[in-house]
Amino acid sequence: MPQSIRVAAVSEIPPGTSKEVMAGDKVVALFNVDGTIYALDGVCPHAGGPLGEGTLRGTMVTCPWHGWQFDVTTGQNCLNRNMTHKCISVKVEGTDVVVELP
């Protein structure tokens, strides 16, 4: 059964920004794209870089370590369409950002 975990306040992630948070023992990267919050596994699959500290432009996040890019709405890598990064279910409850982990 999925576990709901409050990880941030909506006000902590203004539109166009990202934030790295912990949900239990899992690193989660949160992204605010035009008022909609998305979440990905916060660890880049290339070399373990912190995706939540990456640059967000539109729906694309760029890992600060080696430049790997992912669409935060789908997890899809921008260069290799066969590679997708794990999306995490996220919802806004009032002023809270809540993720759902298995």
PDB file of N, CA and C in Angstrom:
ATOM      1  N   MET A   1       0.835  -1.177   0.000  1.00  0.00           N
ATOM      2  CA  MET A   1       0.000   0.000   0.000  1.00  0.00           C
ATOM      3  C   MET A   1       0.885   1.247   0.000  1.00  0.00           C
ATOM      4  N   PRO A   2       0.617   2.198  -0.892  1.00  0.00           N
ATOM      5  CA  PRO A   2       1.449   3.407  -0.966  1.00  0.00           C
ATOM      6  C   PRO A   2       1.396   4.214   0.332  1.00  0.00           C
ATOM      7  N   GLN A   3       2.521   4.866   0.599  1.00  0.00           N
ATOM      8  CA  GLN A   3       2.631   5.701   1.785  1.00  0.00           C
ATOM      9  C   GLN A   3       2.665   7.162   1.357  1.00  0.00           C
ATOM     10  N   SER A   4       1.773   7.988   1.911  1.00  0.00           N
ATOM     11  CA  SER A   4       1.754   9.420   1.616  1.00  0.00           C
ATOM     12  C   SER A   4       2.654  10.133   2.610  1.00  0.00           C
ATOM     13  N   ILE A   5       3.575  10.959   2.074  1.00  0.00           N
ATOM     14  CA  ILE A   5       4.524  11.667   2.924  1.00  0.00           C
ATOM     15  C   ILE A   5       4.533  13.137   2.535  1.00  0.00           C
ATOM     16  N   ARG A   6       4.285  14.021   3.494  1.00  0.00           N
ATOM     17  CA  ARG A   6       4.378  15.458   3.262  1.00  0.00           C
ATOM     18  C   ARG A   6       5.870  15.799   3.172  1.00  0.00           C
ATOM     19  N   VAL A   7       6.247  16.485   2.086  1.00  0.00           N
ATOM     20  CA  VAL A   7       7.663  16.767   1.881  1.00  0.00           C
ATOM     21  C   VAL A   7       7.997  18.252   1.809  1.00  0.00           C
ATOM     22  N   ALA A   8       7.004  19.094   1.595  1.00  0.00           N
ATOM     23  CA  ALA A   8       7.276  20.528   1.462  1.00  0.00           C
ATOM     24  C   ALA A   8       5.977  21.308   1.492  1.00  0.00           C
ATOM     25  N   ALA A   9       6.127  22.615   1.622  1.00  0.00           N
ATOM     26  CA  ALA A   9       5.001  23.527   1.423  1.00  0.00           C
ATOM     27  C   ALA A   9       5.073  24.002  -0.023  1.00  0.00           C
ATOM     28  N   VAL A  10       3.924  24.223  -0.634  1.00  0.00           N
ATOM     29  CA  VAL A  10       3.889  24.706  -2.013  1.00  0.00           C
ATOM     30  C   VAL A  10       4.707  25.994  -2.147  1.00  0.00           C
ATOM     31  N   SER A  11       4.652  26.851  -1.132  1.00  0.00           N
ATOM     32  CA  SER A  11       5.370  28.134  -1.176  1.00  0.00           C
ATOM     33  C   SER A  11       6.881  27.982  -1.249  1.00  0.00           C
ATOM     34  N   GLU A  12       7.412  26.807  -0.913  1.00  0.00           N
ATOM     35  CA  GLU A  12       8.856  26.559  -0.961  1.00  0.00           C
ATOM     36  C   GLU A  12       9.351  26.287  -2.384  1.00  0.00           C
ATOM     37  N   ILE A  13       8.412  26.085  -3.315  1.00  0.00           N
ATOM     38  CA  ILE A  13       8.779  25.734  -4.694  1.00  0.00           C
ATOM     39  C   ILE A  13       8.039  26.679  -5.639  1.00  0.00           C
ATOM     40  N   PRO A  14       8.523  27.912  -5.787  1.00  0.00           N
ATOM     41  CA  PRO A  14       7.854  28.843  -6.701  1.00  0.00           C
ATOM     42  C   PRO A  14       7.904  28.334  -8.145  1.00  0.00           C
ATOM     43  N   PRO A  15       6.981  28.786  -9.007  1.00  0.00           N
ATOM     44  CA  PRO A  15       7.008  28.369 -10.409  1.00  0.00           C
ATOM     45  C   PRO A  15       8.390  28.592 -11.032  1.00  0.00           C
ATOM     46  N   GLY A  16       8.824  27.586 -11.795  1.00  0.00           N
ATOM     47  CA  GLY A  16      10.117  27.655 -12.482  1.00  0.00           C
ATOM     48  C   GLY A  16      11.290  27.209 -11.644  1.00  0.00           C
ATOM     49  N   THR A  17      11.018  26.662 -10.438  1.00  0.00           N
ATOM     50  CA  THR A  17      12.117  26.232  -9.570  1.00  0.00           C
ATOM     51  C   THR A  17      11.998  24.748  -9.236  1.00  0.00           C
ATOM     52  N   SER A  18      13.058  24.258  -8.600  1.00  0.00           N
ATOM     53  CA  SER A  18      13.090  22.875  -8.147  1.00  0.00           C
ATOM     54  C   SER A  18      13.577  22.838  -6.707  1.00  0.00           C
ATOM     55  N   LYS A  19      13.380  21.697  -6.073  1.00  0.00           N
ATOM     56  CA  LYS A  19      13.792  21.530  -4.683  1.00  0.00           C
ATOM     57  C   LYS A  19      14.067  20.059  -4.433  1.00  0.00           C
ATOM     58  N   GLU A  20      15.154  19.792  -3.718  1.00  0.00           N
ATOM     59  CA  GLU A  20      15.467  18.430  -3.304  1.00  0.00           C
ATOM     60  C   GLU A  20      14.949  18.214  -1.890  1.00  0.00           C
ATOM     61  N   VAL A  21      14.238  17.113  -1.680  1.00  0.00           N
ATOM     62  CA  VAL A  21      13.675  16.788  -0.375  1.00  0.00           C
ATOM     63  C   VAL A  21      13.921  15.308  -0.073  1.00  0.00           C
ATOM     64  N   MET A  22      13.733  14.958   1.184  1.00  0.00           N
ATOM     65  CA  MET A  22      13.793  13.560   1.591  1.00  0.00           C
ATOM     66  C   MET A  22      12.375  13.090   1.913  1.00  0.00           C
ATOM     67  N   ALA A  23      12.043  11.915   1.430  1.00  0.00           N
ATOM     68  CA  ALA A  23      10.775  11.269   1.750  1.00  0.00           C
ATOM     69  C   ALA A  23      11.145   9.916   2.352  1.00  0.00           C
ATOM     70  N   GLY A  24      11.159   9.858   3.675  1.00  0.00           N
ATOM     71  CA  GLY A  24      11.702   8.672   4.329  1.00  0.00           C
ATOM     72  C   GLY A  24      13.187   8.618   4.038  1.00  0.00           C
ATOM     73  N   ASP A  25      13.644   7.526   3.433  1.00  0.00           N
ATOM     74  CA  ASP A  25      15.062   7.413   3.083  1.00  0.00           C
ATOM     75  C   ASP A  25      15.312   7.646   1.588  1.00  0.00           C
ATOM     76  N   LYS A  26      14.321   8.193   0.879  1.00  0.00           N
ATOM     77  CA  LYS A  26      14.414   8.403  -0.569  1.00  0.00           C
ATOM     78  C   LYS A  26      14.602   9.879  -0.893  1.00  0.00           C
ATOM     79  N   VAL A  27      15.558  10.159  -1.782  1.00  0.00           N
ATOM     80  CA  VAL A  27      15.764  11.520  -2.275  1.00  0.00           C
ATOM     81  C   VAL A  27      14.766  11.773  -3.406  1.00  0.00           C
ATOM     82  N   VAL A  28      14.012  12.871  -3.282  1.00  0.00           N
ATOM     83  CA  VAL A  28      12.989  13.219  -4.264  1.00  0.00           C
ATOM     84  C   VAL A  28      13.274  14.619  -4.787  1.00  0.00           C
ATOM     85  N   ALA A  29      13.174  14.785  -6.091  1.00  0.00           N
ATOM     86  CA  ALA A  29      13.317  16.097  -6.718  1.00  0.00           C
ATOM     87  C   ALA A  29      11.934  16.604  -7.084  1.00  0.00           C
ATOM     88  N   LEU A  30      11.586  17.791  -6.576  1.00  0.00           N
ATOM     89  CA  LEU A  30      10.298  18.427  -6.860  1.00  0.00           C
ATOM     90  C   LEU A  30      10.500  19.553  -7.852  1.00  0.00           C
ATOM     91  N   PHE A  31       9.553  19.738  -8.748  1.00  0.00           N
ATOM     92  CA  PHE A  31       9.641  20.770  -9.778  1.00  0.00           C
ATOM     93  C   PHE A  31       8.295  21.460  -9.905  1.00  0.00           C
ATOM     94  N   ASN A  32       8.315  22.789 -10.009  1.00  0.00           N
ATOM     95  CA  ASN A  32       7.093  23.552 -10.213  1.00  0.00           C
ATOM     96  C   ASN A  32       7.117  24.105 -11.627  1.00  0.00           C
ATOM     97  N   VAL A  33       6.263  23.561 -12.483  1.00  0.00           N
ATOM     98  CA  VAL A  33       6.144  23.997 -13.870  1.00  0.00           C
ATOM     99  C   VAL A  33       4.810  24.716 -14.007  1.00  0.00           C
ATOM    100  N   ASP A  34       4.872  26.027 -14.080  1.00  0.00           N
ATOM    101  CA  ASP A  34       3.666  26.856 -14.241  1.00  0.00           C
ATOM    102  C   ASP A  34       2.583  26.535 -13.211  1.00  0.00           C
ATOM    103  N   GLY A  35       2.997  26.286 -11.967  1.00  0.00           N
ATOM    104  CA  GLY A  35       2.036  26.045 -10.899  1.00  0.00           C
ATOM    105  C   GLY A  35       1.672  24.592 -10.659  1.00  0.00           C
ATOM    106  N   THR A  36       2.159  23.691 -11.503  1.00  0.00           N
ATOM    107  CA  THR A  36       1.921  22.261 -11.315  1.00  0.00           C
ATOM    108  C   THR A  36       3.200  21.630 -10.780  1.00  0.00           C
ATOM    109  N   ILE A  37       3.062  20.852  -9.707  1.00  0.00           N
ATOM    110  CA  ILE A  37       4.211  20.214  -9.070  1.00  0.00           C
ATOM    111  C   ILE A  37       4.402  18.807  -9.646  1.00  0.00           C
ATOM    112  N   TYR A  38       5.651  18.511 -10.020  1.00  0.00           N
ATOM    113  CA  TYR A  38       6.040  17.184 -10.505  1.00  0.00           C
ATOM    114  C   TYR A  38       7.156  16.667  -9.610  1.00  0.00           C
ATOM    115  N   ALA A  39       7.329  15.347  -9.580  1.00  0.00           N
ATOM    116  CA  ALA A  39       8.389  14.752  -8.770  1.00  0.00           C
ATOM    117  C   ALA A  39       9.062  13.617  -9.532  1.00  0.00           C
ATOM    118  N   LEU A  40      10.385  13.588  -9.410  1.00  0.00           N
ATOM    119  CA  LEU A  40      11.200  12.506  -9.963  1.00  0.00           C
ATOM    120  C   LEU A  40      12.072  11.946  -8.851  1.00  0.00           C
ATOM    121  N   ASP A  41      12.547  10.726  -9.048  1.00  0.00           N
ATOM    122  CA  ASP A  41      13.606  10.222  -8.184  1.00  0.00           C
ATOM    123  C   ASP A  41      14.709  11.279  -8.226  1.00  0.00           C
ATOM    124  N   GLY A  42      15.207  11.682  -7.083  1.00  0.00           N
ATOM    125  CA  GLY A  42      16.144  12.793  -7.023  1.00  0.00           C
ATOM    126  C   GLY A  42      17.573  12.468  -7.400  1.00  0.00           C
ATOM    127  N   VAL A  43      17.870  11.209  -7.674  1.00  0.00           N
ATOM    128  CA  VAL A  43      19.237  10.803  -7.993  1.00  0.00           C
ATOM    129  C   VAL A  43      19.352  10.526  -9.487  1.00  0.00           C
ATOM    130  N   CYS A  44      20.188  11.302 -10.164  1.00  0.00           N
ATOM    131  CA  CYS A  44      20.382  11.116 -11.608  1.00  0.00           C
ATOM    132  C   CYS A  44      20.950   9.723 -11.877  1.00  0.00           C
ATOM    133  N   PRO A  45      20.405   8.998 -12.849  1.00  0.00           N
ATOM    134  CA  PRO A  45      20.877   7.640 -13.128  1.00  0.00           C
ATOM    135  C   PRO A  45      22.272   7.592 -13.744  1.00  0.00           C
ATOM    136  N   HIS A  46      22.777   8.713 -14.236  1.00  0.00           N
ATOM    137  CA  HIS A  46      24.093   8.714 -14.869  1.00  0.00           C
ATOM    138  C   HIS A  46      25.202   8.526 -13.848  1.00  0.00           C
ATOM    139  N   ALA A  47      25.286   9.436 -12.871  1.00  0.00           N
ATOM    140  CA  ALA A  47      26.377   9.354 -11.898  1.00  0.00           C
ATOM    141  C   ALA A  47      25.939   9.770 -10.501  1.00  0.00           C
ATOM    142  N   GLY A  48      24.628   9.718 -10.242  1.00  0.00           N
ATOM    143  CA  GLY A  48      24.136  10.007  -8.909  1.00  0.00           C
ATOM    144  C   GLY A  48      24.006  11.477  -8.564  1.00  0.00           C
ATOM    145  N   GLY A  49      24.003  12.334  -9.574  1.00  0.00           N
ATOM    146  CA  GLY A  49      23.883  13.774  -9.337  1.00  0.00           C
ATOM    147  C   GLY A  49      22.533  14.152  -8.750  1.00  0.00           C
ATOM    148  N   PRO A  50      22.460  15.330  -8.115  1.00  0.00           N
ATOM    149  CA  PRO A  50      21.237  15.776  -7.453  1.00  0.00           C
ATOM    150  C   PRO A  50      20.296  16.511  -8.410  1.00  0.00           C
ATOM    151  N   LEU A  51      19.318  15.807  -8.972  1.00  0.00           N
ATOM    152  CA  LEU A  51      18.408  16.425  -9.943  1.00  0.00           C
ATOM    153  C   LEU A  51      17.629  17.599  -9.358  1.00  0.00           C
ATOM    154  N   GLY A  52      17.333  17.564  -8.069  1.00  0.00           N
ATOM    155  CA  GLY A  52      16.601  18.647  -7.430  1.00  0.00           C
ATOM    156  C   GLY A  52      17.395  19.939  -7.348  1.00  0.00           C
ATOM    157  N   GLU A  53      18.692  19.864  -7.602  1.00  0.00           N
ATOM    158  CA  GLU A  53      19.548  21.052  -7.627  1.00  0.00           C
ATOM    159  C   GLU A  53      19.852  21.474  -9.066  1.00  0.00           C
ATOM    160  N   GLY A  54      19.211  20.810 -10.019  1.00  0.00           N
ATOM    161  CA  GLY A  54      19.440  21.102 -11.426  1.00  0.00           C
ATOM    162  C   GLY A  54      18.712  22.349 -11.888  1.00  0.00           C
ATOM    163  N   THR A  55      18.985  22.723 -13.124  1.00  0.00           N
ATOM    164  CA  THR A  55      18.354  23.882 -13.746  1.00  0.00           C
ATOM    165  C   THR A  55      17.074  23.437 -14.440  1.00  0.00           C
ATOM    166  N   LEU A  56      15.972  24.126 -14.141  1.00  0.00           N
ATOM    167  CA  LEU A  56      14.687  23.814 -14.751  1.00  0.00           C
ATOM    168  C   LEU A  56      14.362  24.881 -15.779  1.00  0.00           C
ATOM    169  N   ARG A  57      14.163  24.454 -17.028  1.00  0.00           N
ATOM    170  CA  ARG A  57      13.733  25.342 -18.102  1.00  0.00           C
ATOM    171  C   ARG A  57      12.533  24.694 -18.767  1.00  0.00           C
ATOM    172  N   GLY A  58      11.381  25.332 -18.602  1.00  0.00           N
ATOM    173  CA  GLY A  58      10.153  24.715 -19.100  1.00  0.00           C
ATOM    174  C   GLY A  58       9.902  23.440 -18.333  1.00  0.00           C
ATOM    175  N   THR A  59       9.806  22.323 -19.053  1.00  0.00           N
ATOM    176  CA  THR A  59       9.602  21.032 -18.390  1.00  0.00           C
ATOM    177  C   THR A  59      10.883  20.205 -18.325  1.00  0.00           C
ATOM    178  N   MET A  60      12.013  20.795 -18.730  1.00  0.00           N
ATOM    179  CA  MET A  60      13.264  20.056 -18.795  1.00  0.00           C
ATOM    180  C   MET A  60      14.194  20.424 -17.642  1.00  0.00           C
ATOM    181  N   VAL A  61      14.668  19.416 -16.896  1.00  0.00           N
ATOM    182  CA  VAL A  61      15.657  19.643 -15.852  1.00  0.00           C
ATOM    183  C   VAL A  61      17.006  19.142 -16.357  1.00  0.00           C
ATOM    184  N   THR A  62      18.049  19.907 -16.053  1.00  0.00           N
ATOM    185  CA  THR A  62      19.415  19.538 -16.412  1.00  0.00           C
ATOM    186  C   THR A  62      20.182  19.225 -15.144  1.00  0.00           C
ATOM    187  N   CYS A  63      20.720  18.025 -15.047  1.00  0.00           N
ATOM    188  CA  CYS A  63      21.499  17.623 -13.879  1.00  0.00           C
ATOM    189  C   CYS A  63      22.734  18.521 -13.771  1.00  0.00           C
ATOM    190  N   PRO A  64      23.014  19.044 -12.570  1.00  0.00           N
ATOM    191  CA  PRO A  64      24.146  19.957 -12.419  1.00  0.00           C
ATOM    192  C   PRO A  64      25.514  19.294 -12.539  1.00  0.00           C
ATOM    193  N   TRP A  65      25.596  17.990 -12.452  1.00  0.00           N
ATOM    194  CA  TRP A  65      26.898  17.332 -12.513  1.00  0.00           C
ATOM    195  C   TRP A  65      27.402  17.115 -13.929  1.00  0.00           C
ATOM    196  N   HIS A  66      26.592  16.536 -14.793  1.00  0.00           N
ATOM    197  CA  HIS A  66      27.083  16.183 -16.134  1.00  0.00           C
ATOM    198  C   HIS A  66      26.129  16.552 -17.255  1.00  0.00           C
ATOM    199  N   GLY A  67      25.076  17.303 -16.940  1.00  0.00           N
ATOM    200  CA  GLY A  67      24.212  17.833 -17.981  1.00  0.00           C
ATOM    201  C   GLY A  67      23.151  16.909 -18.533  1.00  0.00           C
ATOM    202  N   TRP A  68      22.942  15.753 -17.930  1.00  0.00           N
ATOM    203  CA  TRP A  68      21.865  14.896 -18.419  1.00  0.00           C
ATOM    204  C   TRP A  68      20.546  15.616 -18.224  1.00  0.00           C
ATOM    205  N   GLN A  69      19.632  15.463 -19.183  1.00  0.00           N
ATOM    206  CA  GLN A  69      18.370  16.189 -19.144  1.00  0.00           C
ATOM    207  C   GLN A  69      17.181  15.237 -19.189  1.00  0.00           C
ATOM    208  N   PHE A  70      16.164  15.597 -18.382  1.00  0.00           N
ATOM    209  CA  PHE A  70      14.946  14.799 -18.309  1.00  0.00           C
ATOM    210  C   PHE A  70      13.739  15.718 -18.331  1.00  0.00           C
ATOM    211  N   ASP A  71      12.667  15.251 -18.980  1.00  0.00           N
ATOM    212  CA  ASP A  71      11.388  15.956 -18.942  1.00  0.00           C
ATOM    213  C   ASP A  71      10.750  15.598 -17.599  1.00  0.00           C
ATOM    214  N   VAL A  72      10.486  16.600 -16.762  1.00  0.00           N
ATOM    215  CA  VAL A  72       9.972  16.329 -15.420  1.00  0.00           C
ATOM    216  C   VAL A  72       8.532  15.821 -15.438  1.00  0.00           C
ATOM    217  N   THR A  73       7.823  15.995 -16.543  1.00  0.00           N
ATOM    218  CA  THR A  73       6.435  15.536 -16.611  1.00  0.00           C
ATOM    219  C   THR A  73       6.333  14.053 -16.951  1.00  0.00           C
ATOM    220  N   THR A  74       7.380  13.498 -17.578  1.00  0.00           N
ATOM    221  CA  THR A  74       7.344  12.099 -18.007  1.00  0.00           C
ATOM    222  C   THR A  74       8.542  11.279 -17.537  1.00  0.00           C
ATOM    223  N   GLY A  75       9.622  11.961 -17.154  1.00  0.00           N
ATOM    224  CA  GLY A  75      10.856  11.281 -16.788  1.00  0.00           C
ATOM    225  C   GLY A  75      11.720  10.909 -17.979  1.00  0.00           C
ATOM    226  N   GLN A  76      11.265  11.226 -19.192  1.00  0.00           N
ATOM    227  CA  GLN A  76      11.983  10.817 -20.393  1.00  0.00           C
ATOM    228  C   GLN A  76      13.269  11.619 -20.575  1.00  0.00           C
ATOM    229  N   ASN A  77      14.358  10.909 -20.898  1.00  0.00           N
ATOM    230  CA  ASN A  77      15.637  11.540 -21.212  1.00  0.00           C
ATOM    231  C   ASN A  77      15.508  12.253 -22.552  1.00  0.00           C
ATOM    232  N   CYS A  78      16.120  13.431 -22.678  1.00  0.00           N
ATOM    233  CA  CYS A  78      15.928  14.215 -23.907  1.00  0.00           C
ATOM    234  C   CYS A  78      16.710  13.667 -25.102  1.00  0.00           C
ATOM    235  N   LEU A  79      17.775  12.902 -24.873  1.00  0.00           N
ATOM    236  CA  LEU A  79      18.563  12.376 -25.994  1.00  0.00           C
ATOM    237  C   LEU A  79      18.252  10.924 -26.333  1.00  0.00           C
ATOM    238  N   ASN A  80      17.908  10.144 -25.335  1.00  0.00           N
ATOM    239  CA  ASN A  80      17.642   8.726 -25.537  1.00  0.00           C
ATOM    240  C   ASN A  80      16.189   8.441 -25.172  1.00  0.00           C
ATOM    241  N   ARG A  81      15.331   8.338 -26.165  1.00  0.00           N
ATOM    242  CA  ARG A  81      13.893   8.140 -25.941  1.00  0.00           C
ATOM    243  C   ARG A  81      13.582   6.796 -25.286  1.00  0.00           C
ATOM    244  N   ASN A  82      14.549   5.884 -25.244  1.00  0.00           N
ATOM    245  CA  ASN A  82      14.345   4.596 -24.591  1.00  0.00           C
ATOM    246  C   ASN A  82      14.636   4.658 -23.093  1.00  0.00           C
ATOM    247  N   MET A  83      15.151   5.794 -22.618  1.00  0.00           N
ATOM    248  CA  MET A  83      15.506   5.930 -21.212  1.00  0.00           C
ATOM    249  C   MET A  83      14.522   6.862 -20.506  1.00  0.00           C
ATOM    250  N   THR A  84      13.883   6.350 -19.473  1.00  0.00           N
ATOM    251  CA  THR A  84      13.030   7.194 -18.647  1.00  0.00           C
ATOM    252  C   THR A  84      13.443   7.050 -17.194  1.00  0.00           C
ATOM    253  N   HIS A  85      13.386   8.174 -16.495  1.00  0.00           N
ATOM    254  CA  HIS A  85      13.721   8.213 -15.078  1.00  0.00           C
ATOM    255  C   HIS A  85      12.427   8.080 -14.281  1.00  0.00           C
ATOM    256  N   LYS A  86      12.513   7.517 -13.088  1.00  0.00           N
ATOM    257  CA  LYS A  86      11.323   7.221 -12.289  1.00  0.00           C
ATOM    258  C   LYS A  86      10.590   8.485 -11.854  1.00  0.00           C
ATOM    259  N   CYS A  87       9.332   8.569 -12.280  1.00  0.00           N
ATOM    260  CA  CYS A  87       8.429   9.624 -11.804  1.00  0.00           C
ATOM    261  C   CYS A  87       7.826   9.160 -10.481  1.00  0.00           C
ATOM    262  N   ILE A  88       7.567  10.111  -9.611  1.00  0.00           N
ATOM    263  CA  ILE A  88       6.964   9.821  -8.309  1.00  0.00           C
ATOM    264  C   ILE A  88       5.625  10.526  -8.252  1.00  0.00           C
ATOM    265  N   SER A  89       4.622   9.819  -7.798  1.00  0.00           N
ATOM    266  CA  SER A  89       3.294  10.399  -7.677  1.00  0.00           C
ATOM    267  C   SER A  89       3.322  11.521  -6.643  1.00  0.00           C
ATOM    268  N   VAL A  90       2.777  12.669  -7.039  1.00  0.00           N
ATOM    269  CA  VAL A  90       2.783  13.840  -6.162  1.00  0.00           C
ATOM    270  C   VAL A  90       1.424  14.521  -6.238  1.00  0.00           C
ATOM    271  N   LYS A  91       1.002  15.085  -5.126  1.00  0.00           N
ATOM    272  CA  LYS A  91      -0.243  15.847  -5.115  1.00  0.00           C
ATOM    273  C   LYS A  91      -0.110  17.003  -4.138  1.00  0.00           C
ATOM    274  N   VAL A  92      -0.944  17.992  -4.343  1.00  0.00           N
ATOM    275  CA  VAL A  92      -1.002  19.144  -3.445  1.00  0.00           C
ATOM    276  C   VAL A  92      -2.256  18.998  -2.601  1.00  0.00           C
ATOM    277  N   GLU A  93      -2.065  19.047  -1.297  1.00  0.00           N
ATOM    278  CA  GLU A  93      -3.182  18.981  -0.349  1.00  0.00           C
ATOM    279  C   GLU A  93      -3.173  20.282   0.443  1.00  0.00           C
ATOM    280  N   GLY A  94      -4.040  21.199   0.059  1.00  0.00           N
ATOM    281  CA  GLY A  94      -4.035  22.519   0.689  1.00  0.00           C
ATOM    282  C   GLY A  94      -2.756  23.249   0.326  1.00  0.00           C
ATOM    283  N   THR A  95      -1.917  23.511   1.317  1.00  0.00           N
ATOM    284  CA  THR A  95      -0.629  24.182   1.065  1.00  0.00           C
ATOM    285  C   THR A  95       0.543  23.210   1.122  1.00  0.00           C
ATOM    286  N   ASP A  96       0.257  21.918   1.253  1.00  0.00           N
ATOM    287  CA  ASP A  96       1.303  20.902   1.395  1.00  0.00           C
ATOM    288  C   ASP A  96       1.535  20.135   0.098  1.00  0.00           C
ATOM    289  N   VAL A  97       2.791  19.780  -0.136  1.00  0.00           N
ATOM    290  CA  VAL A  97       3.165  18.890  -1.238  1.00  0.00           C
ATOM    291  C   VAL A  97       3.368  17.509  -0.623  1.00  0.00           C
ATOM    292  N   VAL A  98       2.655  16.538  -1.177  1.00  0.00           N
ATOM    293  CA  VAL A  98       2.681  15.175  -0.648  1.00  0.00           C
ATOM    294  C   VAL A  98       3.080  14.229  -1.767  1.00  0.00           C
ATOM    295  N   VAL A  99       4.049  13.338  -1.479  1.00  0.00           N
ATOM    296  CA  VAL A  99       4.427  12.312  -2.449  1.00  0.00           C
ATOM    297  C   VAL A  99       3.902  10.964  -1.968  1.00  0.00           C
ATOM    298  N   GLU A 100       3.691  10.081  -2.935  1.00  0.00           N
ATOM    299  CA  GLU A 100       3.220   8.733  -2.633  1.00  0.00           C
ATOM    300  C   GLU A 100       4.326   7.745  -2.988  1.00  0.00           C
ATOM    301  N   LEU A 101       4.808   7.027  -1.991  1.00  0.00           N
ATOM    302  CA  LEU A 101       5.843   6.039  -2.210  1.00  0.00           C
ATOM    303  C   LEU A 101       5.279   4.649  -1.971  1.00  0.00           C
ATOM    304  N   PRO A 102       5.771   3.680  -2.755  1.00  0.00           N
ATOM    305  CA  PRO A 102       5.273   2.297  -2.582  1.00  0.00           C
ATOM    306  C   PRO A 102       5.660   1.730  -1.233  1.00  0.00           C
TER     307      PRO A 102
END
